[in-house]
Amino acid sequence: DSVSKNYIKMTLQELEAFGFRFSINQNTYQFESFDKPNEIIPVLESDYSAISNFAVLAALCGDITINNVSKETRQSDSYIFDILSSCGAKIDWYENKVRISRSEISPFEVDIKNCIDLGPILFMLAASIKGTSIIKGYENLRYKETNRLDNVINQLKAYGANVVEEDNALYITGREYLFKSFEFDSFIKSYKT
């Protein structure tokens, strides 16, 4: 079973728009050669992975409106809005924008296998909510550019969150306002050797 299916699907759709032809056999993609790509003007969506940081900040601390976003997107990281809504944040969609407002936030349970880039910000969210949240499907974070999983867990523990990895799930017990004021070292030994 592929991880991050939606990222792959979105990439293939863009390649098709440019005229690439390919076939899929299970998890293998075979591309045909061609002479010249289609001349199109691609429509680039906002980066929902980056937007997720501001959305979580608003859910925890206040109110924010993000322009140039659509509820109708192919990006799996847009799942952040469903997660925040399930936690109790107020999410209001308008034409090409979304407003996220703080309200009483509750712990959550989520599988991030197909939106893996949301992992670090969801860990921070869980650490900032009073109670225990459960996050599954995070294993690929160990194999990104760095071992994001261990790095983020170590930072959360350093600032008071209780993080337990058990039965392919992270149990993160936070406390309200854990990150009200803190300092951290931006140089983390996170590189692969």
C-alpha atoms as a PDB file:
ATOM      1  CA  ASP A   1       0.000   0.000   0.000  1.00  0.00           C
ATOM      2  CA  SER A   2       1.560   3.286  -1.113  1.00  0.00           C
ATOM      3  CA  VAL A   3       2.254   6.048   1.345  1.00  0.00           C
ATOM      4  CA  SER A   4       1.268   9.572   0.331  1.00  0.00           C
ATOM      5  CA  LYS A   5      -1.042   8.402  -2.472  1.00  0.00           C
ATOM      6  CA  ASN A   6      -2.548  11.840  -2.913  1.00  0.00           C
ATOM      7  CA  TYR A   7       0.839  13.485  -3.488  1.00  0.00           C
ATOM      8  CA  ILE A   8       1.591  10.903  -6.188  1.00  0.00           C
ATOM      9  CA  LYS A   9      -1.846  11.317  -7.778  1.00  0.00           C
ATOM     10  CA  MET A  10      -1.495  15.106  -7.881  1.00  0.00           C
ATOM     11  CA  THR A  11       1.957  14.847  -9.505  1.00  0.00           C
ATOM     12  CA  LEU A  12       0.682  12.420 -12.145  1.00  0.00           C
ATOM     13  CA  GLN A  13      -2.237  14.717 -12.979  1.00  0.00           C
ATOM     14  CA  GLU A  14       0.186  17.594 -13.559  1.00  0.00           C
ATOM     15  CA  LEU A  15       2.404  15.416 -15.745  1.00  0.00           C
ATOM     16  CA  GLU A  16      -0.649  14.391 -17.809  1.00  0.00           C
ATOM     17  CA  ALA A  17      -1.547  18.050 -18.322  1.00  0.00           C
ATOM     18  CA  PHE A  18       1.909  18.584 -19.845  1.00  0.00           C
ATOM     19  CA  GLY A  19       1.372  15.610 -22.173  1.00  0.00           C
ATOM     20  CA  PHE A  20       3.276  12.860 -20.397  1.00  0.00           C
ATOM     21  CA  ARG A  21       1.886   9.387 -20.977  1.00  0.00           C
ATOM     22  CA  PHE A  22       2.392   6.622 -18.497  1.00  0.00           C
ATOM     23  CA  SER A  23       1.012   3.339 -17.268  1.00  0.00           C
ATOM     24  CA  ILE A  24       0.688   2.122 -13.715  1.00  0.00           C
ATOM     25  CA  ASN A  25       1.182  -1.452 -12.565  1.00  0.00           C
ATOM     26  CA  GLN A  26       0.716  -1.682  -8.787  1.00  0.00           C
ATOM     27  CA  ASN A  27       3.403   0.672  -7.423  1.00  0.00           C
ATOM     28  CA  THR A  28       5.406   0.925 -10.668  1.00  0.00           C
ATOM     29  CA  TYR A  29       5.052   3.865 -13.067  1.00  0.00           C
ATOM     30  CA  GLN A  30       6.295   3.480 -16.634  1.00  0.00           C
ATOM     31  CA  PHE A  31       6.571   6.626 -18.754  1.00  0.00           C
ATOM     32  CA  GLU A  32       6.538   6.751 -22.542  1.00  0.00           C
ATOM     33  CA  SER A  33       8.962   9.046 -24.308  1.00  0.00           C
ATOM     34  CA  PHE A  34       7.664  11.983 -26.330  1.00  0.00           C
ATOM     35  CA  ASP A  35       9.100  14.893 -28.275  1.00  0.00           C
ATOM     36  CA  LYS A  36       7.576  18.036 -26.874  1.00  0.00           C
ATOM     37  CA  PRO A  37       5.440  18.790 -23.804  1.00  0.00           C
ATOM     38  CA  ASN A  38       2.096  20.540 -24.154  1.00  0.00           C
ATOM     39  CA  GLU A  39       2.308  24.301 -23.918  1.00  0.00           C
ATOM     40  CA  ILE A  40       0.063  25.130 -21.005  1.00  0.00           C
ATOM     41  CA  ILE A  41      -0.030  27.703 -18.258  1.00  0.00           C
ATOM     42  CA  PRO A  42      -0.142  25.685 -15.054  1.00  0.00           C
ATOM     43  CA  VAL A  43      -2.360  26.810 -12.202  1.00  0.00           C
ATOM     44  CA  LEU A  44      -0.389  26.626  -9.000  1.00  0.00           C
ATOM     45  CA  GLU A  45      -2.312  26.204  -5.785  1.00  0.00           C
ATOM     46  CA  SER A  46      -1.216  27.548  -2.431  1.00  0.00           C
ATOM     47  CA  ASP A  47       0.909  25.173  -0.370  1.00  0.00           C
ATOM     48  CA  TYR A  48      -1.425  23.607   2.191  1.00  0.00           C
ATOM     49  CA  SER A  49       1.494  22.135   4.117  1.00  0.00           C
ATOM     50  CA  ALA A  50       2.791  25.667   4.773  1.00  0.00           C
ATOM     51  CA  ILE A  51      -0.724  26.979   5.415  1.00  0.00           C
ATOM     52  CA  SER A  52      -1.202  24.325   8.107  1.00  0.00           C
ATOM     53  CA  ASN A  53       1.256  26.134  10.402  1.00  0.00           C
ATOM     54  CA  PHE A  54      -0.837  29.306  10.382  1.00  0.00           C
ATOM     55  CA  ALA A  55      -4.077  27.358  10.676  1.00  0.00           C
ATOM     56  CA  VAL A  56      -2.858  25.585  13.831  1.00  0.00           C
ATOM     57  CA  LEU A  57      -1.581  28.858  15.283  1.00  0.00           C
ATOM     58  CA  ALA A  58      -5.004  30.430  14.773  1.00  0.00           C
ATOM     59  CA  ALA A  59      -6.804  27.417  16.264  1.00  0.00           C
ATOM     60  CA  LEU A  60      -4.655  27.693  19.393  1.00  0.00           C
ATOM     61  CA  CYS A  61      -4.259  31.436  19.790  1.00  0.00           C
ATOM     62  CA  GLY A  62      -6.692  33.582  17.891  1.00  0.00           C
ATOM     63  CA  ASP A  63      -8.147  34.254  14.519  1.00  0.00           C
ATOM     64  CA  ILE A  64      -6.704  34.286  11.011  1.00  0.00           C
ATOM     65  CA  THR A  65      -8.041  34.561   7.471  1.00  0.00           C
ATOM     66  CA  ILE A  66      -6.008  32.933   4.722  1.00  0.00           C
ATOM     67  CA  ASN A  67      -6.630  34.210   1.193  1.00  0.00           C
ATOM     68  CA  ASN A  68      -6.170  32.416  -2.136  1.00  0.00           C
ATOM     69  CA  VAL A  69      -7.135  28.966  -0.907  1.00  0.00           C
ATOM     70  CA  SER A  70      -9.909  26.679  -2.027  1.00  0.00           C
ATOM     71  CA  LYS A  71     -11.827  23.977  -0.241  1.00  0.00           C
ATOM     72  CA  GLU A  72     -11.735  22.143  -3.569  1.00  0.00           C
ATOM     73  CA  THR A  73      -8.098  21.115  -3.768  1.00  0.00           C
ATOM     74  CA  ARG A  74      -6.191  17.989  -4.686  1.00  0.00           C
ATOM     75  CA  GLN A  75      -3.695  18.497  -1.871  1.00  0.00           C
ATOM     76  CA  SER A  76      -4.001  15.981   0.924  1.00  0.00           C
ATOM     77  CA  ASP A  77      -2.526  18.472   3.405  1.00  0.00           C
ATOM     78  CA  SER A  78      -5.850  20.337   3.218  1.00  0.00           C
ATOM     79  CA  TYR A  79      -6.958  17.620   5.666  1.00  0.00           C
ATOM     80  CA  ILE A  80      -5.632  20.017   8.339  1.00  0.00           C
ATOM     81  CA  PHE A  81      -8.959  21.850   8.218  1.00  0.00           C
ATOM     82  CA  ASP A  82     -10.952  18.667   8.908  1.00  0.00           C
ATOM     83  CA  ILE A  83      -8.621  17.803  11.790  1.00  0.00           C
ATOM     84  CA  LEU A  84      -8.877  21.271  13.317  1.00  0.00           C
ATOM     85  CA  SER A  85     -12.647  21.255  12.928  1.00  0.00           C
ATOM     86  CA  SER A  86     -12.856  17.868  14.685  1.00  0.00           C
ATOM     87  CA  CYS A  87     -10.793  19.363  17.555  1.00  0.00           C
ATOM     88  CA  GLY A  88     -13.252  22.202  17.953  1.00  0.00           C
ATOM     89  CA  ALA A  89     -11.676  25.035  15.956  1.00  0.00           C
ATOM     90  CA  LYS A  90     -14.106  27.151  14.013  1.00  0.00           C
ATOM     91  CA  ILE A  91     -13.478  26.870  10.250  1.00  0.00           C
ATOM     92  CA  ASP A  92     -15.409  29.159   7.886  1.00  0.00           C
ATOM     93  CA  TRP A  93     -14.928  28.829   4.128  1.00  0.00           C
ATOM     94  CA  TYR A  94     -15.640  31.679   1.751  1.00  0.00           C
ATOM     95  CA  GLU A  95     -14.879  32.084  -1.926  1.00  0.00           C
ATOM     96  CA  ASN A  96     -11.092  31.661  -2.213  1.00  0.00           C
ATOM     97  CA  LYS A  97     -10.397  32.085   1.501  1.00  0.00           C
ATOM     98  CA  VAL A  98     -10.780  30.397   4.860  1.00  0.00           C
ATOM     99  CA  ARG A  99     -11.080  31.807   8.359  1.00  0.00           C
ATOM    100  CA  ILE A 100      -9.840  29.794  11.345  1.00  0.00           C
ATOM    101  CA  SER A 101     -10.874  30.903  14.820  1.00  0.00           C
ATOM    102  CA  ARG A 102      -9.882  29.681  18.244  1.00  0.00           C
ATOM    103  CA  SER A 103     -12.419  27.928  20.400  1.00  0.00           C
ATOM    104  CA  GLU A 104     -12.221  25.166  22.982  1.00  0.00           C
ATOM    105  CA  ILE A 105      -9.796  22.657  21.433  1.00  0.00           C
ATOM    106  CA  SER A 106     -10.004  18.954  22.319  1.00  0.00           C
ATOM    107  CA  PRO A 107      -7.577  16.051  21.807  1.00  0.00           C
ATOM    108  CA  PHE A 108      -7.842  14.184  18.523  1.00  0.00           C
ATOM    109  CA  GLU A 109      -7.048  10.886  16.824  1.00  0.00           C
ATOM    110  CA  VAL A 110      -5.789  10.874  13.242  1.00  0.00           C
ATOM    111  CA  ASP A 111      -3.950   8.764  10.666  1.00  0.00           C
ATOM    112  CA  ILE A 112      -1.506  10.881   8.630  1.00  0.00           C
ATOM    113  CA  LYS A 113      -0.260   8.189   6.249  1.00  0.00           C
ATOM    114  CA  ASN A 114      -1.486  10.140   3.213  1.00  0.00           C
ATOM    115  CA  CYS A 115      -0.703  13.614   4.554  1.00  0.00           C
ATOM    116  CA  ILE A 116       2.651  12.921   6.197  1.00  0.00           C
ATOM    117  CA  ASP A 117       3.910  16.518   5.955  1.00  0.00           C
ATOM    118  CA  LEU A 118       1.279  17.509   8.519  1.00  0.00           C
ATOM    119  CA  GLY A 119       3.030  15.354  11.133  1.00  0.00           C
ATOM    120  CA  PRO A 120       5.275  17.926  12.832  1.00  0.00           C
ATOM    121  CA  ILE A 121       2.592  20.619  13.119  1.00  0.00           C
ATOM    122  CA  LEU A 122       0.042  18.073  14.380  1.00  0.00           C
ATOM    123  CA  PHE A 123       2.510  16.887  17.019  1.00  0.00           C
ATOM    124  CA  MET A 124       2.843  20.497  18.172  1.00  0.00           C
ATOM    125  CA  LEU A 125      -0.930  20.884  18.173  1.00  0.00           C
ATOM    126  CA  ALA A 126      -1.335  17.730  20.272  1.00  0.00           C
ATOM    127  CA  ALA A 127       1.302  18.970  22.738  1.00  0.00           C
ATOM    128  CA  SER A 128      -0.631  22.224  23.109  1.00  0.00           C
ATOM    129  CA  ILE A 129      -3.971  20.606  23.889  1.00  0.00           C
ATOM    130  CA  LYS A 130      -4.837  19.469  27.388  1.00  0.00           C
ATOM    131  CA  GLY A 131      -5.339  15.697  27.169  1.00  0.00           C
ATOM    132  CA  THR A 132      -4.000  12.865  25.018  1.00  0.00           C
ATOM    133  CA  SER A 133      -4.096  12.849  21.227  1.00  0.00           C
ATOM    134  CA  ILE A 134      -3.305   9.769  19.134  1.00  0.00           C
ATOM    135  CA  ILE A 135      -1.475  10.008  15.811  1.00  0.00           C
ATOM    136  CA  LYS A 136      -0.958   7.043  13.484  1.00  0.00           C
ATOM    137  CA  GLY A 137       0.617   6.611  10.049  1.00  0.00           C
ATOM    138  CA  TYR A 138       3.655   8.741  10.886  1.00  0.00           C
ATOM    139  CA  GLU A 139       6.401   6.172  10.210  1.00  0.00           C
ATOM    140  CA  ASN A 140       7.655   7.789   6.979  1.00  0.00           C
ATOM    141  CA  LEU A 141       8.708  10.869   8.933  1.00  0.00           C
ATOM    142  CA  ARG A 142      11.781   8.864   9.940  1.00  0.00           C
ATOM    143  CA  TYR A 143      12.877   8.757   6.289  1.00  0.00           C
ATOM    144  CA  LYS A 144      12.317  12.277   5.021  1.00  0.00           C
ATOM    145  CA  GLU A 145      15.299  14.597   4.449  1.00  0.00           C
ATOM    146  CA  THR A 146      16.014  14.124   8.138  1.00  0.00           C
ATOM    147  CA  ASN A 147      14.525  11.964  10.859  1.00  0.00           C
ATOM    148  CA  ARG A 148      11.751  14.462  11.492  1.00  0.00           C
ATOM    149  CA  LEU A 149       9.977  12.112  13.863  1.00  0.00           C
ATOM    150  CA  ASP A 150      12.761  11.807  16.450  1.00  0.00           C
ATOM    151  CA  ASN A 151      13.728  15.468  16.128  1.00  0.00           C
ATOM    152  CA  VAL A 152      10.216  16.764  16.775  1.00  0.00           C
ATOM    153  CA  ILE A 153       9.579  14.275  19.588  1.00  0.00           C
ATOM    154  CA  ASN A 154      12.810  15.314  21.326  1.00  0.00           C
ATOM    155  CA  GLN A 155      11.864  18.994  21.053  1.00  0.00           C
ATOM    156  CA  LEU A 156       8.352  18.351  22.398  1.00  0.00           C
ATOM    157  CA  LYS A 157       9.703  16.375  25.354  1.00  0.00           C
ATOM    158  CA  ALA A 158      12.211  19.136  26.087  1.00  0.00           C
ATOM    159  CA  TYR A 159       9.323  21.556  26.482  1.00  0.00           C
ATOM    160  CA  GLY A 160       7.123  19.422  28.693  1.00  0.00           C
ATOM    161  CA  ALA A 161       4.976  17.244  26.447  1.00  0.00           C
ATOM    162  CA  ASN A 162       4.586  13.579  27.290  1.00  0.00           C
ATOM    163  CA  VAL A 163       5.169  11.565  24.099  1.00  0.00           C
ATOM    164  CA  VAL A 164       4.868   7.770  24.005  1.00  0.00           C
ATOM    165  CA  GLU A 165       5.295   5.604  20.909  1.00  0.00           C
ATOM    166  CA  GLU A 166       3.373   2.353  21.289  1.00  0.00           C
ATOM    167  CA  ASP A 167       1.605  -0.083  18.937  1.00  0.00           C
ATOM    168  CA  ASN A 168       2.340   2.019  15.819  1.00  0.00           C
ATOM    169  CA  ALA A 169       0.781   5.078  17.397  1.00  0.00           C
ATOM    170  CA  LEU A 170       2.057   8.225  19.057  1.00  0.00           C
ATOM    171  CA  TYR A 171       0.266   9.190  22.230  1.00  0.00           C
ATOM    172  CA  ILE A 172       0.951  12.843  22.899  1.00  0.00           C
ATOM    173  CA  THR A 173      -0.306  14.269  26.157  1.00  0.00           C
ATOM    174  CA  GLY A 174      -0.115  18.008  26.170  1.00  0.00           C
ATOM    175  CA  ARG A 175      -1.209  20.750  28.410  1.00  0.00           C
ATOM    176  CA  GLU A 176      -2.892  23.946  27.453  1.00  0.00           C
ATOM    177  CA  TYR A 177      -0.551  26.797  26.535  1.00  0.00           C
ATOM    178  CA  LEU A 178       2.538  24.598  26.588  1.00  0.00           C
ATOM    179  CA  PHE A 179       4.144  26.910  24.037  1.00  0.00           C
ATOM    180  CA  LYS A 180       2.995  30.255  25.393  1.00  0.00           C
ATOM    181  CA  SER A 181       6.587  31.422  25.706  1.00  0.00           C
ATOM    182  CA  PHE A 182       9.751  29.465  25.022  1.00  0.00           C
ATOM    183  CA  GLU A 183      13.145  29.479  23.400  1.00  0.00           C
ATOM    184  CA  PHE A 184      14.652  26.768  21.263  1.00  0.00           C
ATOM    185  CA  ASP A 185      17.832  26.103  19.389  1.00  0.00           C
ATOM    186  CA  SER A 186      17.174  26.281  15.642  1.00  0.00           C
ATOM    187  CA  PHE A 187      20.292  24.236  14.982  1.00  0.00           C
ATOM    188  CA  ILE A 188      19.270  20.653  15.581  1.00  0.00           C
ATOM    189  CA  LYS A 189      21.568  17.820  14.700  1.00  0.00           C
ATOM    190  CA  SER A 190      19.064  16.328  12.292  1.00  0.00           C
ATOM    191  CA  TYR A 191      21.153  15.551   9.258  1.00  0.00           C
ATOM    192  CA  LYS A 192      21.634  12.018   8.000  1.00  0.00           C
ATOM    193  CA  THR A 193      25.171  10.660   8.050  1.00  0.00           C
END
